[in-house]
PDB file of N, CA and C in Angstrom:
ATOM      1  N   MET A   1     -37.931  10.689  39.404  1.00  0.00           N
ATOM      2  CA  MET A   1     -36.760  11.405  38.956  1.00  0.00           C
ATOM      3  C   MET A   1     -37.078  12.901  38.895  1.00  0.00           C
ATOM      4  N   ASN A   2     -36.137  13.647  39.405  1.00  0.00           N
ATOM      5  CA  ASN A   2     -36.341  15.086  39.309  1.00  0.00           C
ATOM      6  C   ASN A   2     -35.568  15.644  38.114  1.00  0.00           C
ATOM      7  N   THR A   3     -35.634  16.934  37.927  1.00  0.00           N
ATOM      8  CA  THR A   3     -35.052  17.597  36.757  1.00  0.00           C
ATOM      9  C   THR A   3     -33.538  17.425  36.709  1.00  0.00           C
ATOM     10  N   ASN A   4     -32.884  17.537  37.850  1.00  0.00           N
ATOM     11  CA  ASN A   4     -31.420  17.401  37.866  1.00  0.00           C
ATOM     12  C   ASN A   4     -30.974  16.009  37.438  1.00  0.00           C
ATOM     13  N   GLN A   5     -31.700  15.001  37.874  1.00  0.00           N
ATOM     14  CA  GLN A   5     -31.341  13.635  37.502  1.00  0.00           C
ATOM     15  C   GLN A   5     -31.545  13.403  36.004  1.00  0.00           C
ATOM     16  N   ILE A   6     -32.633  13.949  35.469  1.00  0.00           N
ATOM     17  CA  ILE A   6     -32.908  13.809  34.034  1.00  0.00           C
ATOM     18  C   ILE A   6     -31.829  14.510  33.216  1.00  0.00           C
ATOM     19  N   GLU A   7     -31.440  15.717  33.634  1.00  0.00           N
ATOM     20  CA  GLU A   7     -30.385  16.445  32.929  1.00  0.00           C
ATOM     21  C   GLU A   7     -29.057  15.687  33.009  1.00  0.00           C
ATOM     22  N   GLY A   8     -28.781  15.101  34.157  1.00  0.00           N
ATOM     23  CA  GLY A   8     -27.556  14.298  34.298  1.00  0.00           C
ATOM     24  C   GLY A   8     -27.572  13.084  33.399  1.00  0.00           C
ATOM     25  N   LEU A   9     -28.722  12.416  33.323  1.00  0.00           N
ATOM     26  CA  LEU A   9     -28.862  11.246  32.464  1.00  0.00           C
ATOM     27  C   LEU A   9     -28.691  11.627  30.999  1.00  0.00           C
ATOM     28  N   ILE A  10     -29.302  12.717  30.576  1.00  0.00           N
ATOM     29  CA  ILE A  10     -29.173  13.192  29.190  1.00  0.00           C
ATOM     30  C   ILE A  10     -27.709  13.521  28.889  1.00  0.00           C
ATOM     31  N   GLY A  11     -27.046  14.184  29.827  1.00  0.00           N
ATOM     32  CA  GLY A  11     -25.638  14.519  29.633  1.00  0.00           C
ATOM     33  C   GLY A  11     -24.761  13.287  29.514  1.00  0.00           C
ATOM     34  N   MET A  12     -25.010  12.290  30.355  1.00  0.00           N
ATOM     35  CA  MET A  12     -24.236  11.054  30.290  1.00  0.00           C
ATOM     36  C   MET A  12     -24.478  10.324  28.975  1.00  0.00           C
ATOM     37  N   LEU A  13     -25.734  10.253  28.537  1.00  0.00           N
ATOM     38  CA  LEU A  13     -26.049   9.580  27.274  1.00  0.00           C
ATOM     39  C   LEU A  13     -25.431  10.314  26.083  1.00  0.00           C
ATOM     40  N   LEU A  14     -25.455  11.640  26.128  1.00  0.00           N
ATOM     41  CA  LEU A  14     -24.856  12.426  25.058  1.00  0.00           C
ATOM     42  C   LEU A  14     -23.338  12.207  25.017  1.00  0.00           C
ATOM     43  N   THR A  15     -22.710  12.202  26.172  1.00  0.00           N
ATOM     44  CA  THR A  15     -21.266  11.956  26.243  1.00  0.00           C
ATOM     45  C   THR A  15     -20.930  10.558  25.733  1.00  0.00           C
ATOM     46  N   PHE A  16     -21.711   9.583  26.125  1.00  0.00           N
ATOM     47  CA  PHE A  16     -21.491   8.218  25.658  1.00  0.00           C
ATOM     48  C   PHE A  16     -21.686   8.117  24.146  1.00  0.00           C
ATOM     49  N   GLY A  17     -22.690   8.804  23.622  1.00  0.00           N
ATOM     50  CA  GLY A  17     -22.940   8.808  22.178  1.00  0.00           C
ATOM     51  C   GLY A  17     -21.777   9.411  21.402  1.00  0.00           C
ATOM     52  N   ILE A  18     -21.221  10.507  21.909  1.00  0.00           N
ATOM     53  CA  ILE A  18     -20.067  11.125  21.248  1.00  0.00           C
ATOM     54  C   ILE A  18     -18.872  10.188  21.288  1.00  0.00           C
ATOM     55  N   LEU A  19     -18.666   9.534  22.420  1.00  0.00           N
ATOM     56  CA  LEU A  19     -17.567   8.573  22.548  1.00  0.00           C
ATOM     57  C   LEU A  19     -17.714   7.446  21.533  1.00  0.00           C
ATOM     58  N   VAL A  20     -18.917   6.947  21.387  1.00  0.00           N
ATOM     59  CA  VAL A  20     -19.158   5.870  20.421  1.00  0.00           C
ATOM     60  C   VAL A  20     -18.871   6.360  19.003  1.00  0.00           C
ATOM     61  N   LEU A  21     -19.288   7.573  18.670  1.00  0.00           N
ATOM     62  CA  LEU A  21     -19.040   8.109  17.334  1.00  0.00           C
ATOM     63  C   LEU A  21     -17.549   8.289  17.065  1.00  0.00           C
ATOM     64  N   LEU A  22     -16.763   8.585  18.090  1.00  0.00           N
ATOM     65  CA  LEU A  22     -15.330   8.753  17.908  1.00  0.00           C
ATOM     66  C   LEU A  22     -14.601   7.415  17.800  1.00  0.00           C
ATOM     67  N   VAL A  23     -15.078   6.404  18.505  1.00  0.00           N
ATOM     68  CA  VAL A  23     -14.396   5.107  18.541  1.00  0.00           C
ATOM     69  C   VAL A  23     -14.825   4.215  17.381  1.00  0.00           C
ATOM     70  N   LEU A  24     -16.011   4.395  16.858  1.00  0.00           N
ATOM     71  CA  LEU A  24     -16.557   3.510  15.829  1.00  0.00           C
ATOM     72  C   LEU A  24     -15.692   3.422  14.567  1.00  0.00           C
ATOM     73  N   PRO A  25     -15.220   4.529  13.980  1.00  0.00           N
ATOM     74  CA  PRO A  25     -14.374   4.394  12.782  1.00  0.00           C
ATOM     75  C   PRO A  25     -13.092   3.604  13.055  1.00  0.00           C
ATOM     76  N   SER A  26     -12.513   3.793  14.215  1.00  0.00           N
ATOM     77  CA  SER A  26     -11.304   3.051  14.566  1.00  0.00           C
ATOM     78  C   SER A  26     -11.606   1.563  14.682  1.00  0.00           C
ATOM     79  N   ALA A  27     -12.700   1.216  15.281  1.00  0.00           N
ATOM     80  CA  ALA A  27     -13.078  -0.189  15.431  1.00  0.00           C
ATOM     81  C   ALA A  27     -13.316  -0.835  14.065  1.00  0.00           C
ATOM     82  N   PHE A  28     -13.955  -0.099  13.152  1.00  0.00           N
ATOM     83  CA  PHE A  28     -14.164  -0.620  11.803  1.00  0.00           C
ATOM     84  C   PHE A  28     -12.833  -0.823  11.088  1.00  0.00           C
ATOM     85  N   GLY A  29     -11.892   0.095  11.273  1.00  0.00           N
ATOM     86  CA  GLY A  29     -10.576  -0.035  10.657  1.00  0.00           C
ATOM     87  C   GLY A  29      -9.819  -1.243  11.169  1.00  0.00           C
ATOM     88  N   VAL A  30      -9.873  -1.475  12.475  1.00  0.00           N
ATOM     89  CA  VAL A  30      -9.200  -2.641  13.053  1.00  0.00           C
ATOM     90  C   VAL A  30      -9.814  -3.928  12.512  1.00  0.00           C
ATOM     91  N   ALA A  31     -11.127  -3.974  12.441  1.00  0.00           N
ATOM     92  CA  ALA A  31     -11.800  -5.170  11.924  1.00  0.00           C
ATOM     93  C   ALA A  31     -11.439  -5.408  10.457  1.00  0.00           C
ATOM     94  N   ARG A  32     -11.349  -4.340   9.683  1.00  0.00           N
ATOM     95  CA  ARG A  32     -11.002  -4.462   8.275  1.00  0.00           C
ATOM     96  C   ARG A  32      -9.567  -4.965   8.116  1.00  0.00           C
ATOM     97  N   ASP A  33      -8.634  -4.433   8.911  1.00  0.00           N
ATOM     98  CA  ASP A  33      -7.244  -4.873   8.852  1.00  0.00           C
ATOM     99  C   ASP A  33      -7.111  -6.342   9.233  1.00  0.00           C
ATOM    100  N   ARG A  34      -7.827  -6.756  10.278  1.00  0.00           N
ATOM    101  CA  ARG A  34      -7.759  -8.159  10.695  1.00  0.00           C
ATOM    102  C   ARG A  34      -8.306  -9.083   9.613  1.00  0.00           C
ATOM    103  N   ARG A  35      -9.379  -8.647   8.941  1.00  0.00           N
ATOM    104  CA  ARG A  35      -9.951  -9.464   7.867  1.00  0.00           C
ATOM    105  C   ARG A  35      -8.966  -9.575   6.707  1.00  0.00           C
ATOM    106  N   ALA A  36      -8.312  -8.460   6.359  1.00  0.00           N
ATOM    107  CA  ALA A  36      -7.330  -8.487   5.275  1.00  0.00           C
ATOM    108  C   ALA A  36      -6.147  -9.384   5.643  1.00  0.00           C
ATOM    109  N   ASP A  37      -5.670  -9.289   6.878  1.00  0.00           N
ATOM    110  CA  ASP A  37      -4.568 -10.140   7.322  1.00  0.00           C
ATOM    111  C   ASP A  37      -4.945 -11.611   7.257  1.00  0.00           C
ATOM    112  N   ARG A  38      -6.166 -11.910   7.654  1.00  0.00           N
ATOM    113  CA  ARG A  38      -6.626 -13.306   7.616  1.00  0.00           C
ATOM    114  C   ARG A  38      -6.691 -13.811   6.173  1.00  0.00           C
ATOM    115  N   GLN A  39      -7.177 -12.973   5.256  1.00  0.00           N
ATOM    116  CA  GLN A  39      -7.263 -13.372   3.860  1.00  0.00           C
ATOM    117  C   GLN A  39      -5.877 -13.581   3.260  1.00  0.00           C
ATOM    118  N   ILE A  40      -4.922 -12.727   3.622  1.00  0.00           N
ATOM    119  CA  ILE A  40      -3.553 -12.888   3.137  1.00  0.00           C
ATOM    120  C   ILE A  40      -2.951 -14.177   3.667  1.00  0.00           C
ATOM    121  N   ARG A  41      -3.142 -14.435   4.956  1.00  0.00           N
ATOM    122  CA  ARG A  41      -2.620 -15.651   5.565  1.00  0.00           C
ATOM    123  C   ARG A  41      -3.210 -16.889   4.897  1.00  0.00           C
ATOM    124  N   GLU A  42      -4.518 -16.882   4.640  1.00  0.00           N
ATOM    125  CA  GLU A  42      -5.164 -18.026   3.992  1.00  0.00           C
ATOM    126  C   GLU A  42      -4.646 -18.217   2.572  1.00  0.00           C
ATOM    127  N   ALA A  43      -4.402 -17.116   1.859  1.00  0.00           N
ATOM    128  CA  ALA A  43      -3.883 -17.227   0.496  1.00  0.00           C
ATOM    129  C   ALA A  43      -2.466 -17.785   0.501  1.00  0.00           C
ATOM    130  N   GLN A  44      -1.646 -17.372   1.477  1.00  0.00           N
ATOM    131  CA  GLN A  44      -0.290 -17.905   1.572  1.00  0.00           C
ATOM    132  C   GLN A  44      -0.308 -19.390   1.910  1.00  0.00           C
ATOM    133  N   GLU A  45      -1.191 -19.784   2.793  1.00  0.00           N
ATOM    134  CA  GLU A  45      -1.288 -21.201   3.139  1.00  0.00           C
ATOM    135  C   GLU A  45      -1.776 -22.017   1.945  1.00  0.00           C
ATOM    136  N   ALA A  46      -2.638 -21.444   1.143  1.00  0.00           N
ATOM    137  CA  ALA A  46      -3.138 -22.154  -0.030  1.00  0.00           C
ATOM    138  C   ALA A  46      -2.025 -22.347  -1.060  1.00  0.00           C
ATOM    139  N   ARG A  47      -1.077 -21.401  -1.118  1.00  0.00           N
ATOM    140  CA  ARG A  47       0.044 -21.526  -2.049  1.00  0.00           C
ATOM    141  C   ARG A  47       1.153 -22.392  -1.476  1.00  0.00           C
ATOM    142  N   GLY A  48       1.060 -22.742  -0.210  1.00  0.00           N
ATOM    143  CA  GLY A  48       2.046 -23.604   0.406  1.00  0.00           C
ATOM    144  C   GLY A  48       3.196 -22.861   1.047  1.00  0.00           C
ATOM    145  N   GLU A  49       3.105 -21.542   1.165  1.00  0.00           N
ATOM    146  CA  GLU A  49       4.167 -20.783   1.803  1.00  0.00           C
ATOM    147  C   GLU A  49       3.926 -20.713   3.300  1.00  0.00           C
ATOM    148  N   LYS A  50       4.996 -20.607   4.048  1.00  0.00           N
ATOM    149  CA  LYS A  50       4.903 -20.435   5.488  1.00  0.00           C
ATOM    150  C   LYS A  50       5.435 -19.059   5.831  1.00  0.00           C
ATOM    151  N   GLU A  51       5.003 -18.516   6.964  1.00  0.00           N
ATOM    152  CA  GLU A  51       5.415 -17.178   7.355  1.00  0.00           C
ATOM    153  C   GLU A  51       6.909 -17.086   7.622  1.00  0.00           C
ATOM    154  N   ASP A  52       7.504 -18.141   8.168  1.00  0.00           N
ATOM    155  CA  ASP A  52       8.925 -18.084   8.498  1.00  0.00           C
ATOM    156  C   ASP A  52       9.808 -18.259   7.270  1.00  0.00           C
ATOM    157  N   GLN A  53       9.243 -18.712   6.148  1.00  0.00           N
ATOM    158  CA  GLN A  53      10.005 -18.901   4.924  1.00  0.00           C
ATOM    159  C   GLN A  53       9.989 -17.596   4.149  1.00  0.00           C
ATOM    160  N   LYS A  54      11.185 -17.081   3.868  1.00  0.00           N
ATOM    161  CA  LYS A  54      11.264 -15.823   3.133  1.00  0.00           C
ATOM    162  C   LYS A  54      11.756 -16.116   1.727  1.00  0.00           C
ATOM    163  N   SER A  55      10.911 -15.827   0.756  1.00  0.00           N
ATOM    164  CA  SER A  55      11.315 -15.979  -0.630  1.00  0.00           C
ATOM    165  C   SER A  55      11.051 -14.661  -1.328  1.00  0.00           C
ATOM    166  N   SER A  56      12.044 -14.223  -2.079  1.00  0.00           N
ATOM    167  CA  SER A  56      11.914 -12.939  -2.760  1.00  0.00           C
ATOM    168  C   SER A  56      12.262 -13.121  -4.220  1.00  0.00           C
ATOM    169  N   SER A  57      11.450 -12.577  -5.081  1.00  0.00           N
ATOM    170  CA  SER A  57      11.731 -12.645  -6.504  1.00  0.00           C
ATOM    171  C   SER A  57      12.534 -11.435  -6.957  1.00  0.00           C
ATOM    172  N   ARG A  58      12.710 -10.447  -6.074  1.00  0.00           N
ATOM    173  CA  ARG A  58      13.446  -9.241  -6.441  1.00  0.00           C
ATOM    174  C   ARG A  58      14.938  -9.459  -6.213  1.00  0.00           C
ATOM    175  N   SER A  59      15.720  -8.834  -7.048  1.00  0.00           N
ATOM    176  CA  SER A  59      17.162  -8.920  -6.930  1.00  0.00           C
ATOM    177  C   SER A  59      17.639  -8.051  -5.771  1.00  0.00           C
ATOM    178  N   THR A  60      18.678  -8.511  -5.083  1.00  0.00           N
ATOM    179  CA  THR A  60      19.224  -7.727  -3.983  1.00  0.00           C
ATOM    180  C   THR A  60      20.343  -6.817  -4.456  1.00  0.00           C
ATOM    181  N   VAL A  61      20.737  -6.913  -5.724  1.00  0.00           N
ATOM    182  CA  VAL A  61      21.778  -6.059  -6.279  1.00  0.00           C
ATOM    183  C   VAL A  61      21.146  -4.729  -6.679  1.00  0.00           C
ATOM    184  N   PRO A  62      21.741  -3.605  -6.279  1.00  0.00           N
ATOM    185  CA  PRO A  62      21.165  -2.306  -6.637  1.00  0.00           C
ATOM    186  C   PRO A  62      21.175  -2.092  -8.148  1.00  0.00           C
ATOM    187  N   SER A  63      20.228  -1.334  -8.622  1.00  0.00           N
ATOM    188  CA  SER A  63      20.145  -1.063 -10.046  1.00  0.00           C
ATOM    189  C   SER A  63      21.222  -0.062 -10.459  1.00  0.00           C
ATOM    190  N   THR A  64      21.377   0.140 -11.756  1.00  0.00           N
ATOM    191  CA  THR A  64      22.354   1.096 -12.276  1.00  0.00           C
ATOM    192  C   THR A  64      22.036   2.493 -11.788  1.00  0.00           C
ATOM    193  N   ALA A  65      20.758   2.846 -11.736  1.00  0.00           N
ATOM    194  CA  ALA A  65      20.368   4.174 -11.276  1.00  0.00           C
ATOM    195  C   ALA A  65      20.780   4.383  -9.825  1.00  0.00           C
ATOM    196  N   THR A  66      20.697   3.339  -9.015  1.00  0.00           N
ATOM    197  CA  THR A  66      21.106   3.453  -7.611  1.00  0.00           C
ATOM    198  C   THR A  66      22.606   3.687  -7.522  1.00  0.00           C
ATOM    199  N   TRP A  67      23.390   2.938  -8.320  1.00  0.00           N
ATOM    200  CA  TRP A  67      24.845   3.129  -8.309  1.00  0.00           C
ATOM    201  C   TRP A  67      25.202   4.541  -8.740  1.00  0.00           C
ATOM    202  N   TYR A  68      24.535   5.031  -9.777  1.00  0.00           N
ATOM    203  CA  TYR A  68      24.807   6.378 -10.281  1.00  0.00           C
ATOM    204  C   TYR A  68      24.472   7.425  -9.221  1.00  0.00           C
ATOM    205  N   ALA A  69      23.323   7.281  -8.582  1.00  0.00           N
ATOM    206  CA  ALA A  69      22.901   8.245  -7.567  1.00  0.00           C
ATOM    207  C   ALA A  69      23.848   8.221  -6.376  1.00  0.00           C
ATOM    208  N   GLU A  70      24.307   7.044  -5.963  1.00  0.00           N
ATOM    209  CA  GLU A  70      25.242   6.945  -4.843  1.00  0.00           C
ATOM    210  C   GLU A  70      26.558   7.634  -5.186  1.00  0.00           C
ATOM    211  N   GLY A  71      27.041   7.428  -6.420  1.00  0.00           N
ATOM    212  CA  GLY A  71      28.282   8.087  -6.841  1.00  0.00           C
ATOM    213  C   GLY A  71      28.174   9.583  -6.849  1.00  0.00           C
ATOM    214  N   ARG A  72      27.049  10.096  -7.312  1.00  0.00           N
ATOM    215  CA  ARG A  72      26.867  11.557  -7.351  1.00  0.00           C
ATOM    216  C   ARG A  72      26.784  12.130  -5.946  1.00  0.00           C
ATOM    217  N   ARG A  73      26.118  11.413  -5.043  1.00  0.00           N
ATOM    218  CA  ARG A  73      26.019  11.889  -3.677  1.00  0.00           C
ATOM    219  C   ARG A  73      27.387  11.967  -3.020  1.00  0.00           C
ATOM    220  N   SER A  74      28.202  10.932  -3.225  1.00  0.00           N
ATOM    221  CA  SER A  74      29.516  10.930  -2.590  1.00  0.00           C
ATOM    222  C   SER A  74      30.408  12.010  -3.177  1.00  0.00           C
ATOM    223  N   LYS A  75      30.305  12.303  -4.487  1.00  0.00           N
ATOM    224  CA  LYS A  75      31.093  13.377  -5.086  1.00  0.00           C
ATOM    225  C   LYS A  75      30.690  14.729  -4.539  1.00  0.00           C
ATOM    226  N   LYS A  76      29.378  14.918  -4.323  1.00  0.00           N
ATOM    227  CA  LYS A  76      28.906  16.186  -3.760  1.00  0.00           C
ATOM    228  C   LYS A  76      29.428  16.384  -2.348  1.00  0.00           C
ATOM    229  N   LEU A  77      29.471  15.317  -1.564  1.00  0.00           N
ATOM    230  CA  LEU A  77      29.964  15.422  -0.204  1.00  0.00           C
ATOM    231  C   LEU A  77      31.451  15.757  -0.173  1.00  0.00           C
ATOM    232  N   VAL A  78      32.205  15.164  -1.097  1.00  0.00           N
ATOM    233  CA  VAL A  78      33.651  15.387  -1.141  1.00  0.00           C
ATOM    234  C   VAL A  78      33.962  16.795  -1.622  1.00  0.00           C
ATOM    235  N   SER A  79      33.235  17.276  -2.635  1.00  0.00           N
ATOM    236  CA  SER A  79      33.548  18.577  -3.217  1.00  0.00           C
ATOM    237  C   SER A  79      33.065  19.739  -2.361  1.00  0.00           C
ATOM    238  N   SER A  80      32.221  19.506  -1.386  1.00  0.00           N
ATOM    239  CA  SER A  80      31.685  20.602  -0.563  1.00  0.00           C
ATOM    240  C   SER A  80      32.713  21.214   0.291  1.00  0.00           C
TER     241      SER A  80
END
């Protein structure tokens, strides 16, 4: 190997190293998200829930504060 080949090899390895450093945090994040999703899925299956079954404990009726805010917004629009 001559000097030019060695410099080319060093440059390629350095470029590859930088690429790995940039991609590594993203890969760890994807792995972490997949693990969390798997744990959530397993917990839902343990409780007997299925993904297609939607059950909500929250009320679908807006709160008093929401009604009040909606009324004020509509009055502002009308009076403008």
